[in-house]
Every structure is written in C-alpha cells, then in structure tokens.
Amino acid sequence: MGHKKKASLKAILQSQQTRLKNKEKAVHAAEAAELKTKQKGKGKAPALRPTIPFTFTDKILLIGEGNFSFAHALVIDPPLSLEHLPPSNITATSYDSEKECYDKYPDARSKVDVLRERGVEVLFGVDGTRFEKCNALKGRRFDRVVFNFPHAGKGITDQDRNILSNQMLILGFLRSVVGCLAEGTIPAPNLSRKPKKLADDDDDEDIDTSSPSTVEGTRGTVLITLRNVPPYTNWDVPRLAKTPPKPASLGTPPNPSYKLLRSFVFRRNMWKGYEHRMTKGERAHGRGTTGEGGEDRTWEFCLKDRY
C-alpha cells in the first residue's frame, strides 16, 4: 500500500513540474517588473504592516519546534498585541526525545526551562503525522496549529525523491491534525487591502497584512511556513492542502481538503530571538540556510465544510 501511495504522488509531481516552472518564470518576471517600478517611484509606497496570525485568546499548538526559539519569542518578548497571551495557552512540541533535542540543539535546554517556568506545556516525542499516538493531545482542540519550516530531514540527494518525501510529510500532517483543530464556522481574516491574486491562476491566495478576525466558535487553522523559493515551492503546499491526492487503495479514508484563508510574509524579526534550525541539528551544522533569495511565507488553512 505504501508503494501505491508513492506512485500516486509521483504522478502528481510529474504533472506539476511544467506548471511550477512556468509559475516560477512568471514570478521572476513580476519581481523584475516590480523592482523597476519601485526604482522609478523612489520608494514612495508605504511599508506594509506585518501579519500577526494570533490573538491573545488563542490556544496554540507548535509543531517541530527544534530549539524552541519560536515558542520562547512568543512567550518572552511577543509583539504588542500578544502581551496578554497566557503562556498556559501554548503547547510547544518536538519530534525528538528530550535528550535527543538537547543533543541536537544545545541552546534548547535553557529555553525549555524558561518556558516551563512560565507555564508553557512542553512535549517531546510528538510526531506531527501521528497526533493520535500522543496521549497528552488526545481530545484537545486548538485555535492555531503552527508548523514552521517543516522538513523530513532524510538527506535525499535526488530532487524528485526529496520533494516526494516532504510532500508525504505535509500530507501526513494535514491528515493527522484534523483531530486537533477547534470546530466551528470558517474564520474570515480581516484584509487590510484588496486581495491580490498570485501567479497561479487557481490558487486564490489572499495577501493579508492584518491580524486575523477571531470570533468565538470559529474553526481552528493550520499555519505552514516555508521559504518561498525552490526547492520548497516545488512541494506545492497550497495544492496539496486544497486538492490532495485520492487514496491509492479501497477502504482508505480520503485525505482531508482545506480552504486557503490567506498567505503572508513571515517576518522573522517580529519574533525576537527566533532562529531557524535545520532538522539534523547543530551536530550536522544545522544553522544552514533555507534557500537563497525570495522570502519566508506562511499559508493559513482551515478545513473545508466537507472533506
């Protein structure tokens, strides 16, 4: 059955390659045109307000925290709008065991100590594709589930196989996280300016620069952040979430379908002290880059009414 699932995703990859290459060419052309426009306008356009995708009432689940620097930034020195976010509303998790985490990321221990002192729930050994195996998360629902810079970390050199491995990770996460998301109506983010269509003509991605509209009783959202350059763009996360592949075998439940609420630039400088760490950790020179050029971008999804 595993072989059939891989074959299904390989077929998807083959059908996507031409479209993605054309999309990248269009994006590069648009960036070049935008640069020329900015040079002519001599920087008169006002700076966009950064997006803070949380409110101080949210219950937040952080996946794959690495050295826990994002959780630390969220609790110790958050943006002004989150000053009153209770630390007890945050659950920060690591895929590694506690010992493995500290071996990989020597600076994690001090951050975890601070988080626990403040009342943050810290969990180790949490597989983001198998939430049902984590007893501490069973029966619990969250307003925001965050997966910053996911990566399978398998060290595969073949590009197509590497893409496939990470697509499997994303699909597994989107399938498993369903039981962790708060139930309710579809949230409606407040767009501070007119939504803008991105290069892909059927992605319907809104560019958002405001805080989300949080109404009691709205369903939880998933936030996935990646570097918006190849090879990460080749994972095609929005399409995997919105139109996932059908099960390869009879009797297998369908993959859930998500609605893309918005995408926005993830500004690392908004999260003071946050440092991205590679999956292999410090012992494998894990301070490496996540792609040259481009930007960090977050995609925010919620479950469709029917999936």
C-alpha atoms as a PDB file:
ATOM      1  CA  MET A   1       0.000   0.000   0.000  1.00  0.00           C
ATOM      2  CA  GLY A   2       2.912   2.354   0.739  1.00  0.00           C
ATOM      3  CA  HIS A   3       4.238   1.775  -2.789  1.00  0.00           C
ATOM      4  CA  LYS A   4       0.875   2.768  -4.282  1.00  0.00           C
ATOM      5  CA  LYS A   5       0.782   5.978  -2.263  1.00  0.00           C
ATOM      6  CA  LYS A   6       4.236   6.909  -3.526  1.00  0.00           C
ATOM      7  CA  ALA A   7       3.251   6.119  -7.079  1.00  0.00           C
ATOM      8  CA  SER A   8       0.236   8.402  -6.728  1.00  0.00           C
ATOM      9  CA  LEU A   9       2.354  11.305  -5.506  1.00  0.00           C
ATOM     10  CA  LYS A  10       4.966  10.693  -8.190  1.00  0.00           C
ATOM     11  CA  ALA A  11       2.237  11.059 -10.802  1.00  0.00           C
ATOM     12  CA  ILE A  12       1.243  14.333  -9.182  1.00  0.00           C
ATOM     13  CA  LEU A  13       4.839  15.542  -9.207  1.00  0.00           C
ATOM     14  CA  GLN A  14       5.218  14.797 -12.911  1.00  0.00           C
ATOM     15  CA  SER A  15       2.038  16.693 -13.768  1.00  0.00           C
ATOM     16  CA  GLN A  16       3.104  19.653 -11.615  1.00  0.00           C
ATOM     17  CA  GLN A  17       6.640  20.217 -12.882  1.00  0.00           C
ATOM     18  CA  THR A  18       5.773  22.123 -16.057  1.00  0.00           C
ATOM     19  CA  ARG A  19       3.191  24.278 -14.265  1.00  0.00           C
ATOM     20  CA  LEU A  20       5.584  25.064 -11.417  1.00  0.00           C
ATOM     21  CA  LYS A  21       8.405  26.014 -13.773  1.00  0.00           C
ATOM     22  CA  ASN A  22       6.085  28.325 -15.678  1.00  0.00           C
ATOM     23  CA  LYS A  23       4.878  29.788 -12.394  1.00  0.00           C
ATOM     24  CA  GLU A  24       8.442  30.446 -11.238  1.00  0.00           C
ATOM     25  CA  LYS A  25       9.243  32.185 -14.535  1.00  0.00           C
ATOM     26  CA  ALA A  26       6.140  34.362 -14.142  1.00  0.00           C
ATOM     27  CA  VAL A  27       7.072  35.205 -10.545  1.00  0.00           C
ATOM     28  CA  HIS A  28      10.629  36.160 -11.535  1.00  0.00           C
ATOM     29  CA  ALA A  29       9.272  38.355 -14.350  1.00  0.00           C
ATOM     30  CA  ALA A  30       6.820  40.005 -11.938  1.00  0.00           C
ATOM     31  CA  GLU A  31       9.586  40.619  -9.384  1.00  0.00           C
ATOM     32  CA  ALA A  32      11.756  42.213 -12.050  1.00  0.00           C
ATOM     33  CA  ALA A  33       8.881  44.449 -13.151  1.00  0.00           C
ATOM     34  CA  GLU A  34       8.104  45.385  -9.530  1.00  0.00           C
ATOM     35  CA  LEU A  35      11.742  46.295  -8.929  1.00  0.00           C
ATOM     36  CA  LYS A  36      11.733  48.612 -11.925  1.00  0.00           C
ATOM     37  CA  THR A  37       8.521  50.239 -10.687  1.00  0.00           C
ATOM     38  CA  LYS A  38       9.987  50.756  -7.204  1.00  0.00           C
ATOM     39  CA  GLN A  39      13.112  52.308  -8.675  1.00  0.00           C
ATOM     40  CA  LYS A  40      11.015  54.728 -10.701  1.00  0.00           C
ATOM     41  CA  GLY A  41       8.818  55.583  -7.723  1.00  0.00           C
ATOM     42  CA  LYS A  42      11.861  56.111  -5.471  1.00  0.00           C
ATOM     43  CA  GLY A  43      10.350  54.119  -2.601  1.00  0.00           C
ATOM     44  CA  LYS A  44       7.180  56.179  -2.163  1.00  0.00           C
ATOM     45  CA  ALA A  45       4.980  53.150  -1.408  1.00  0.00           C
ATOM     46  CA  PRO A  46       4.196  52.826   2.324  1.00  0.00           C
ATOM     47  CA  ALA A  47       5.594  49.835   4.228  1.00  0.00           C
ATOM     48  CA  LEU A  48       3.115  47.010   4.783  1.00  0.00           C
ATOM     49  CA  ARG A  49       2.090  46.184   8.326  1.00  0.00           C
ATOM     50  CA  PRO A  50       3.379  42.732   9.381  1.00  0.00           C
ATOM     51  CA  THR A  51       0.838  39.985   9.967  1.00  0.00           C
ATOM     52  CA  ILE A  52       0.486  38.594  13.487  1.00  0.00           C
ATOM     53  CA  PRO A  53      -1.607  35.444  12.961  1.00  0.00           C
ATOM     54  CA  PHE A  54      -2.584  35.022  16.621  1.00  0.00           C
ATOM     55  CA  THR A  55      -4.733  36.777  19.213  1.00  0.00           C
ATOM     56  CA  PHE A  56      -4.215  36.750  22.969  1.00  0.00           C
ATOM     57  CA  THR A  57      -7.175  34.367  23.439  1.00  0.00           C
ATOM     58  CA  ASP A  58      -5.901  31.661  21.072  1.00  0.00           C
ATOM     59  CA  LYS A  59      -4.929  28.178  22.148  1.00  0.00           C
ATOM     60  CA  ILE A  60      -1.795  27.482  20.122  1.00  0.00           C
ATOM     61  CA  LEU A  61      -0.058  24.203  19.252  1.00  0.00           C
ATOM     62  CA  LEU A  62       3.506  24.483  17.915  1.00  0.00           C
ATOM     63  CA  ILE A  63       4.881  21.520  15.953  1.00  0.00           C
ATOM     64  CA  GLY A  64       8.520  20.593  15.306  1.00  0.00           C
ATOM     65  CA  GLU A  65       9.952  23.331  17.490  1.00  0.00           C
ATOM     66  CA  GLY A  66      13.631  22.401  17.129  1.00  0.00           C
ATOM     67  CA  ASN A  67      15.445  24.597  19.669  1.00  0.00           C
ATOM     68  CA  PHE A  68      12.152  26.114  20.936  1.00  0.00           C
ATOM     69  CA  SER A  69      13.198  29.635  19.966  1.00  0.00           C
ATOM     70  CA  PHE A  70       9.832  30.447  18.338  1.00  0.00           C
ATOM     71  CA  ALA A  71       7.905  29.404  21.455  1.00  0.00           C
ATOM     72  CA  HIS A  72      10.407  31.391  23.530  1.00  0.00           C
ATOM     73  CA  ALA A  73       9.858  34.501  21.386  1.00  0.00           C
ATOM     74  CA  LEU A  74       6.074  34.084  21.574  1.00  0.00           C
ATOM     75  CA  VAL A  75       6.159  33.986  25.379  1.00  0.00           C
ATOM     76  CA  ILE A  76       9.115  36.143  26.466  1.00  0.00           C
ATOM     77  CA  ASP A  77       9.094  39.053  24.020  1.00  0.00           C
ATOM     78  CA  PRO A  78       5.964  38.886  21.850  1.00  0.00           C
ATOM     79  CA  PRO A  79       4.529  41.600  19.595  1.00  0.00           C
ATOM     80  CA  LEU A  80       2.480  44.200  21.457  1.00  0.00           C
ATOM     81  CA  SER A  81      -0.885  42.623  20.512  1.00  0.00           C
ATOM     82  CA  LEU A  82       0.112  39.374  22.262  1.00  0.00           C
ATOM     83  CA  GLU A  83       1.359  40.823  25.554  1.00  0.00           C
ATOM     84  CA  HIS A  84      -1.609  39.283  27.379  1.00  0.00           C
ATOM     85  CA  LEU A  85      -1.424  35.844  25.761  1.00  0.00           C
ATOM     86  CA  PRO A  86      -1.341  33.379  28.700  1.00  0.00           C
ATOM     87  CA  PRO A  87       1.664  31.041  28.452  1.00  0.00           C
ATOM     88  CA  SER A  88      -0.655  28.223  29.514  1.00  0.00           C
ATOM     89  CA  ASN A  89      -2.449  28.662  26.166  1.00  0.00           C
ATOM     90  CA  ILE A  90       0.672  27.425  24.350  1.00  0.00           C
ATOM     91  CA  THR A  91       1.714  23.821  23.794  1.00  0.00           C
ATOM     92  CA  ALA A  92       5.186  23.528  22.209  1.00  0.00           C
ATOM     93  CA  THR A  93       6.311  20.168  20.843  1.00  0.00           C
ATOM     94  CA  SER A  94       9.426  18.499  19.477  1.00  0.00           C
ATOM     95  CA  TYR A  95       9.672  15.395  17.302  1.00  0.00           C
ATOM     96  CA  ASP A  96      12.804  14.341  19.177  1.00  0.00           C
ATOM     97  CA  SER A  97      13.002  12.945  22.680  1.00  0.00           C
ATOM     98  CA  GLU A  98      14.139  15.445  25.313  1.00  0.00           C
ATOM     99  CA  LYS A  99      17.679  14.037  25.310  1.00  0.00           C
ATOM    100  CA  GLU A 100      17.874  13.979  21.504  1.00  0.00           C
ATOM    101  CA  CYS A 101      16.626  17.551  21.358  1.00  0.00           C
ATOM    102  CA  TYR A 102      19.284  18.837  23.740  1.00  0.00           C
ATOM    103  CA  ASP A 103      21.988  16.850  21.925  1.00  0.00           C
ATOM    104  CA  LYS A 104      20.941  18.348  18.582  1.00  0.00           C
ATOM    105  CA  TYR A 105      20.305  21.876  19.820  1.00  0.00           C
ATOM    106  CA  PRO A 106      22.490  22.760  22.847  1.00  0.00           C
ATOM    107  CA  ASP A 107      20.642  26.062  23.358  1.00  0.00           C
ATOM    108  CA  ALA A 108      17.253  24.341  23.674  1.00  0.00           C
ATOM    109  CA  ARG A 109      17.579  23.322  27.320  1.00  0.00           C
ATOM    110  CA  SER A 110      17.691  26.868  28.699  1.00  0.00           C
ATOM    111  CA  LYS A 111      14.725  27.888  26.540  1.00  0.00           C
ATOM    112  CA  VAL A 112      12.670  24.884  27.662  1.00  0.00           C
ATOM    113  CA  ASP A 113      13.450  25.678  31.303  1.00  0.00           C
ATOM    114  CA  VAL A 114      12.169  29.238  30.856  1.00  0.00           C
ATOM    115  CA  LEU A 115       9.060  28.081  29.006  1.00  0.00           C
ATOM    116  CA  ARG A 116       8.159  25.572  31.700  1.00  0.00           C
ATOM    117  CA  GLU A 117       8.722  28.174  34.429  1.00  0.00           C
ATOM    118  CA  ARG A 118       6.274  30.480  32.650  1.00  0.00           C
ATOM    119  CA  GLY A 119       3.620  27.761  32.373  1.00  0.00           C
ATOM    120  CA  VAL A 120       4.025  26.630  28.758  1.00  0.00           C
ATOM    121  CA  GLU A 121       3.309  22.959  28.147  1.00  0.00           C
ATOM    122  CA  VAL A 122       6.385  21.374  26.518  1.00  0.00           C
ATOM    123  CA  LEU A 123       6.085  17.921  24.945  1.00  0.00           C
ATOM    124  CA  PHE A 124       8.769  15.734  23.395  1.00  0.00           C
ATOM    125  CA  GLY A 125       8.477  12.766  21.038  1.00  0.00           C
ATOM    126  CA  VAL A 126       5.472  14.205  19.197  1.00  0.00           C
ATOM    127  CA  ASP A 127       5.188  13.014  15.590  1.00  0.00           C
ATOM    128  CA  GLY A 128       3.315  15.650  13.574  1.00  0.00           C
ATOM    129  CA  THR A 129       1.926  12.954  11.296  1.00  0.00           C
ATOM    130  CA  ARG A 130       0.614  10.799  14.171  1.00  0.00           C
ATOM    131  CA  PHE A 131      -1.044  13.060  16.709  1.00  0.00           C
ATOM    132  CA  GLU A 132      -3.360  10.221  17.696  1.00  0.00           C
ATOM    133  CA  LYS A 133      -0.340   8.480  19.261  1.00  0.00           C
ATOM    134  CA  CYS A 134       0.269  11.358  21.693  1.00  0.00           C
ATOM    135  CA  ASN A 135      -1.779  10.801  24.850  1.00  0.00           C
ATOM    136  CA  ALA A 136      -1.227  14.377  26.034  1.00  0.00           C
ATOM    137  CA  LEU A 137      -3.036  15.726  22.952  1.00  0.00           C
ATOM    138  CA  LYS A 138      -5.948  13.293  22.791  1.00  0.00           C
ATOM    139  CA  GLY A 139      -9.338  15.010  22.858  1.00  0.00           C
ATOM    140  CA  ARG A 140      -7.850  18.516  22.814  1.00  0.00           C
ATOM    141  CA  ARG A 141      -8.610  21.218  20.240  1.00  0.00           C
ATOM    142  CA  PHE A 142      -6.562  24.260  19.251  1.00  0.00           C
ATOM    143  CA  ASP A 143      -7.298  27.561  17.508  1.00  0.00           C
ATOM    144  CA  ARG A 144      -3.917  27.643  15.743  1.00  0.00           C
ATOM    145  CA  VAL A 145      -1.599  24.765  14.846  1.00  0.00           C
ATOM    146  CA  VAL A 146       1.783  26.026  13.626  1.00  0.00           C
ATOM    147  CA  PHE A 147       4.392  24.103  11.627  1.00  0.00           C
ATOM    148  CA  ASN A 148       7.326  26.407  10.867  1.00  0.00           C
ATOM    149  CA  PHE A 149       9.725  25.217   8.159  1.00  0.00           C
ATOM    150  CA  PRO A 150       8.752  21.530   8.098  1.00  0.00           C
ATOM    151  CA  HIS A 151      11.284  19.156   6.587  1.00  0.00           C
ATOM    152  CA  ALA A 152      11.524  15.365   6.506  1.00  0.00           C
ATOM    153  CA  GLY A 153      15.281  15.607   7.086  1.00  0.00           C
ATOM    154  CA  LYS A 154      16.092  12.386   5.259  1.00  0.00           C
ATOM    155  CA  GLY A 155      19.091  13.771   3.388  1.00  0.00           C
ATOM    156  CA  ILE A 156      17.869  12.540  -0.003  1.00  0.00           C
ATOM    157  CA  THR A 157      20.009  13.986  -2.781  1.00  0.00           C
ATOM    158  CA  ASP A 158      17.698  13.103  -5.675  1.00  0.00           C
ATOM    159  CA  GLN A 159      15.453  16.164  -6.079  1.00  0.00           C
ATOM    160  CA  ASP A 160      12.256  14.356  -7.089  1.00  0.00           C
ATOM    161  CA  ARG A 161      12.560  11.836  -4.250  1.00  0.00           C
ATOM    162  CA  ASN A 162      13.315  14.638  -1.805  1.00  0.00           C
ATOM    163  CA  ILE A 163      10.226  16.555  -2.929  1.00  0.00           C
ATOM    164  CA  LEU A 164       8.124  13.404  -2.617  1.00  0.00           C
ATOM    165  CA  SER A 165       9.434  12.721   0.886  1.00  0.00           C
ATOM    166  CA  ASN A 166       8.464  16.191   2.063  1.00  0.00           C
ATOM    167  CA  GLN A 167       5.078  16.083   0.341  1.00  0.00           C
ATOM    168  CA  MET A 168       4.391  12.850   2.231  1.00  0.00           C
ATOM    169  CA  LEU A 169       5.299  14.685   5.447  1.00  0.00           C
ATOM    170  CA  ILE A 170       2.920  17.570   4.668  1.00  0.00           C
ATOM    171  CA  LEU A 171       0.072  15.230   3.694  1.00  0.00           C
ATOM    172  CA  GLY A 172       0.585  13.163   6.842  1.00  0.00           C
ATOM    173  CA  PHE A 173       0.490  16.305   8.966  1.00  0.00           C
ATOM    174  CA  LEU A 174      -2.656  17.657   7.289  1.00  0.00           C
ATOM    175  CA  ARG A 175      -4.370  14.291   7.721  1.00  0.00           C
ATOM    176  CA  SER A 176      -3.435  13.804  11.365  1.00  0.00           C
ATOM    177  CA  VAL A 177      -4.012  17.374  12.585  1.00  0.00           C
ATOM    178  CA  VAL A 178      -7.761  17.238  11.832  1.00  0.00           C
ATOM    179  CA  GLY A 179      -8.496  15.908  15.318  1.00  0.00           C
ATOM    180  CA  CYS A 180      -6.568  18.780  16.941  1.00  0.00           C
ATOM    181  CA  LEU A 181      -8.437  21.656  15.261  1.00  0.00           C
ATOM    182  CA  ALA A 182     -11.206  23.570  17.002  1.00  0.00           C
ATOM    183  CA  GLU A 183     -14.596  23.085  15.393  1.00  0.00           C
ATOM    184  CA  GLY A 184     -16.846  25.911  14.236  1.00  0.00           C
ATOM    185  CA  THR A 185     -17.537  28.215  11.335  1.00  0.00           C
ATOM    186  CA  ILE A 186     -14.958  29.209   8.739  1.00  0.00           C
ATOM    187  CA  PRO A 187     -12.945  32.196  10.057  1.00  0.00           C
ATOM    188  CA  ALA A 188     -12.854  35.370   7.988  1.00  0.00           C
ATOM    189  CA  PRO A 189      -9.489  37.171   8.169  1.00  0.00           C
ATOM    190  CA  ASN A 190      -9.640  40.966   8.023  1.00  0.00           C
ATOM    191  CA  LEU A 191      -7.903  42.026   4.829  1.00  0.00           C
ATOM    192  CA  SER A 192      -6.373  45.463   5.222  1.00  0.00           C
ATOM    193  CA  ARG A 193      -6.125  45.905   1.498  1.00  0.00           C
ATOM    194  CA  LYS A 194      -7.667  44.447  -1.622  1.00  0.00           C
ATOM    195  CA  PRO A 195      -6.881  40.718  -2.017  1.00  0.00           C
ATOM    196  CA  LYS A 196      -4.335  40.105  -4.722  1.00  0.00           C
ATOM    197  CA  LYS A 197      -4.254  37.037  -6.938  1.00  0.00           C
ATOM    198  CA  LEU A 198      -0.879  35.305  -7.050  1.00  0.00           C
ATOM    199  CA  ALA A 199       0.785  33.889 -10.125  1.00  0.00           C
ATOM    200  CA  ASP A 200      -1.085  30.565 -10.064  1.00  0.00           C
ATOM    201  CA  ASP A 201      -4.427  31.234 -11.706  1.00  0.00           C
ATOM    202  CA  ASP A 202      -6.411  28.908  -9.439  1.00  0.00           C
ATOM    203  CA  ASP A 203      -4.724  29.246  -6.066  1.00  0.00           C
ATOM    204  CA  ASP A 204      -6.936  32.120  -4.793  1.00  0.00           C
ATOM    205  CA  GLU A 205      -4.271  33.205  -2.309  1.00  0.00           C
ATOM    206  CA  ASP A 206      -5.081  36.409  -0.448  1.00  0.00           C
ATOM    207  CA  ILE A 207      -2.189  38.556   0.685  1.00  0.00           C
ATOM    208  CA  ASP A 208      -3.015  39.626   4.216  1.00  0.00           C
ATOM    209  CA  THR A 209      -1.295  42.240   6.339  1.00  0.00           C
ATOM    210  CA  SER A 210      -3.651  42.415   9.304  1.00  0.00           C
ATOM    211  CA  SER A 211      -4.442  40.406  12.394  1.00  0.00           C
ATOM    212  CA  PRO A 212      -6.997  37.611  11.907  1.00  0.00           C
ATOM    213  CA  SER A 213     -10.634  38.121  12.792  1.00  0.00           C
ATOM    214  CA  THR A 214     -11.190  35.785  15.716  1.00  0.00           C
ATOM    215  CA  VAL A 215     -14.816  35.116  16.509  1.00  0.00           C
ATOM    216  CA  GLU A 216     -15.823  32.667  19.215  1.00  0.00           C
ATOM    217  CA  GLY A 217     -16.919  29.423  17.607  1.00  0.00           C
ATOM    218  CA  THR A 218     -14.708  29.592  14.504  1.00  0.00           C
ATOM    219  CA  ARG A 219     -12.774  26.531  13.404  1.00  0.00           C
ATOM    220  CA  GLY A 220      -9.085  26.156  14.073  1.00  0.00           C
ATOM    221  CA  THR A 221      -6.497  26.960  11.442  1.00  0.00           C
ATOM    222  CA  VAL A 222      -3.223  25.419  10.294  1.00  0.00           C
ATOM    223  CA  LEU A 223      -0.227  27.647   9.556  1.00  0.00           C
ATOM    224  CA  ILE A 224       2.641  26.232   7.472  1.00  0.00           C
ATOM    225  CA  THR A 225       5.705  28.398   6.845  1.00  0.00           C
ATOM    226  CA  LEU A 226       8.346  27.724   4.197  1.00  0.00           C
ATOM    227  CA  ARG A 227      10.943  29.608   2.222  1.00  0.00           C
ATOM    228  CA  ASN A 228       9.138  30.757  -0.923  1.00  0.00           C
ATOM    229  CA  VAL A 229      11.899  29.627  -3.314  1.00  0.00           C
ATOM    230  CA  PRO A 230      12.831  26.302  -4.955  1.00  0.00           C
ATOM    231  CA  PRO A 231      13.007  23.541  -3.890  1.00  0.00           C
ATOM    232  CA  TYR A 232      10.322  24.388  -1.310  1.00  0.00           C
ATOM    233  CA  THR A 233       7.924  25.876  -3.869  1.00  0.00           C
ATOM    234  CA  ASN A 234       8.081  22.525  -5.665  1.00  0.00           C
ATOM    235  CA  TRP A 235       6.352  20.912  -2.701  1.00  0.00           C
ATOM    236  CA  ASP A 236       3.261  22.894  -3.804  1.00  0.00           C
ATOM    237  CA  VAL A 237       1.795  23.044  -0.301  1.00  0.00           C
ATOM    238  CA  PRO A 238      -1.350  25.051  -1.231  1.00  0.00           C
ATOM    239  CA  ARG A 239      -2.372  22.487  -3.829  1.00  0.00           C
ATOM    240  CA  LEU A 240      -1.638  19.526  -1.549  1.00  0.00           C
ATOM    241  CA  ALA A 241      -3.900  21.070   1.095  1.00  0.00           C
ATOM    242  CA  LYS A 242      -6.724  22.143  -1.220  1.00  0.00           C
ATOM    243  CA  THR A 243      -6.810  19.198  -3.639  1.00  0.00           C
ATOM    244  CA  PRO A 244      -4.961  16.281  -2.006  1.00  0.00           C
ATOM    245  CA  PRO A 245      -4.445  13.032  -3.934  1.00  0.00           C
ATOM    246  CA  LYS A 246      -7.135  10.389  -3.645  1.00  0.00           C
ATOM    247  CA  PRO A 247      -6.415   7.269  -1.567  1.00  0.00           C
ATOM    248  CA  ALA A 248      -4.492   4.647  -3.514  1.00  0.00           C
ATOM    249  CA  SER A 249      -6.430   1.715  -2.041  1.00  0.00           C
ATOM    250  CA  LEU A 250     -10.064   0.887  -1.332  1.00  0.00           C
ATOM    251  CA  GLY A 251     -11.185   1.327   2.252  1.00  0.00           C
ATOM    252  CA  THR A 252      -8.645   4.055   2.984  1.00  0.00           C
ATOM    253  CA  PRO A 253     -10.308   7.266   4.255  1.00  0.00           C
ATOM    254  CA  PRO A 254      -9.941  10.248   1.888  1.00  0.00           C
ATOM    255  CA  ASN A 255      -7.350  12.887   2.639  1.00  0.00           C
ATOM    256  CA  PRO A 256      -8.954  15.997   4.168  1.00  0.00           C
ATOM    257  CA  SER A 257      -9.396  19.060   1.970  1.00  0.00           C
ATOM    258  CA  TYR A 258      -8.562  22.510   3.272  1.00  0.00           C
ATOM    259  CA  LYS A 259      -9.551  26.033   2.360  1.00  0.00           C
ATOM    260  CA  LEU A 260      -6.720  28.520   1.913  1.00  0.00           C
ATOM    261  CA  LEU A 261      -7.638  31.560   4.001  1.00  0.00           C
ATOM    262  CA  ARG A 262      -4.616  33.704   3.188  1.00  0.00           C
ATOM    263  CA  SER A 263      -0.849  33.766   2.760  1.00  0.00           C
ATOM    264  CA  PHE A 264       1.531  36.394   4.066  1.00  0.00           C
ATOM    265  CA  VAL A 265       5.210  37.149   4.548  1.00  0.00           C
ATOM    266  CA  PHE A 266       6.630  35.589   7.699  1.00  0.00           C
ATOM    267  CA  ARG A 267       8.891  38.238   9.218  1.00  0.00           C
ATOM    268  CA  ARG A 268      11.439  36.611  11.485  1.00  0.00           C
ATOM    269  CA  ASN A 269      12.362  39.953  13.065  1.00  0.00           C
ATOM    270  CA  MET A 270       8.864  40.124  14.582  1.00  0.00           C
ATOM    271  CA  TRP A 271       9.780  37.141  16.781  1.00  0.00           C
ATOM    272  CA  LYS A 272      12.747  38.335  18.810  1.00  0.00           C
ATOM    273  CA  GLY A 273      15.360  35.649  19.318  1.00  0.00           C
ATOM    274  CA  TYR A 274      13.786  33.237  16.837  1.00  0.00           C
ATOM    275  CA  GLU A 275      16.393  31.237  14.941  1.00  0.00           C
ATOM    276  CA  HIS A 276      15.553  28.614  12.353  1.00  0.00           C
ATOM    277  CA  ARG A 277      17.293  25.290  12.928  1.00  0.00           C
ATOM    278  CA  MET A 278      17.675  22.516  10.388  1.00  0.00           C
ATOM    279  CA  THR A 279      16.197  19.091  11.188  1.00  0.00           C
ATOM    280  CA  LYS A 280      19.607  17.459  11.647  1.00  0.00           C
ATOM    281  CA  GLY A 281      20.552  19.924  14.377  1.00  0.00           C
ATOM    282  CA  GLU A 282      23.765  21.636  15.440  1.00  0.00           C
ATOM    283  CA  ARG A 283      25.851  18.481  15.248  1.00  0.00           C
ATOM    284  CA  ALA A 284      25.218  18.424  11.495  1.00  0.00           C
ATOM    285  CA  HIS A 285      25.962  22.137  11.107  1.00  0.00           C
ATOM    286  CA  GLY A 286      22.244  22.821  11.436  1.00  0.00           C
ATOM    287  CA  ARG A 287      22.394  26.582  11.188  1.00  0.00           C
ATOM    288  CA  GLY A 288      22.203  26.302   7.404  1.00  0.00           C
ATOM    289  CA  THR A 289      20.124  28.415   5.055  1.00  0.00           C
ATOM    290  CA  THR A 290      16.628  27.653   3.796  1.00  0.00           C
ATOM    291  CA  GLY A 291      17.062  28.700   0.180  1.00  0.00           C
ATOM    292  CA  GLU A 292      18.692  31.706  -1.423  1.00  0.00           C
ATOM    293  CA  GLY A 293      16.629  34.802  -2.239  1.00  0.00           C
ATOM    294  CA  GLY A 294      12.868  35.013  -2.015  1.00  0.00           C
ATOM    295  CA  GLU A 295      11.022  35.333   1.278  1.00  0.00           C
ATOM    296  CA  ASP A 296       9.615  33.299   4.132  1.00  0.00           C
ATOM    297  CA  ARG A 297       5.889  32.809   3.543  1.00  0.00           C
ATOM    298  CA  THR A 298       3.086  31.428   5.732  1.00  0.00           C
ATOM    299  CA  TRP A 299      -0.011  29.735   4.332  1.00  0.00           C
ATOM    300  CA  GLU A 300      -3.040  29.588   6.621  1.00  0.00           C
ATOM    301  CA  PHE A 301      -5.699  26.926   6.045  1.00  0.00           C
ATOM    302  CA  CYS A 302      -8.873  25.681   7.669  1.00  0.00           C
ATOM    303  CA  LEU A 303     -10.861  22.542   6.918  1.00  0.00           C
ATOM    304  CA  LYS A 304     -13.458  22.796   4.188  1.00  0.00           C
ATOM    305  CA  ASP A 305     -17.069  22.192   5.161  1.00  0.00           C
ATOM    306  CA  ARG A 306     -16.832  18.739   3.637  1.00  0.00           C
ATOM    307  CA  TYR A 307     -13.682  16.761   3.248  1.00  0.00           C
END
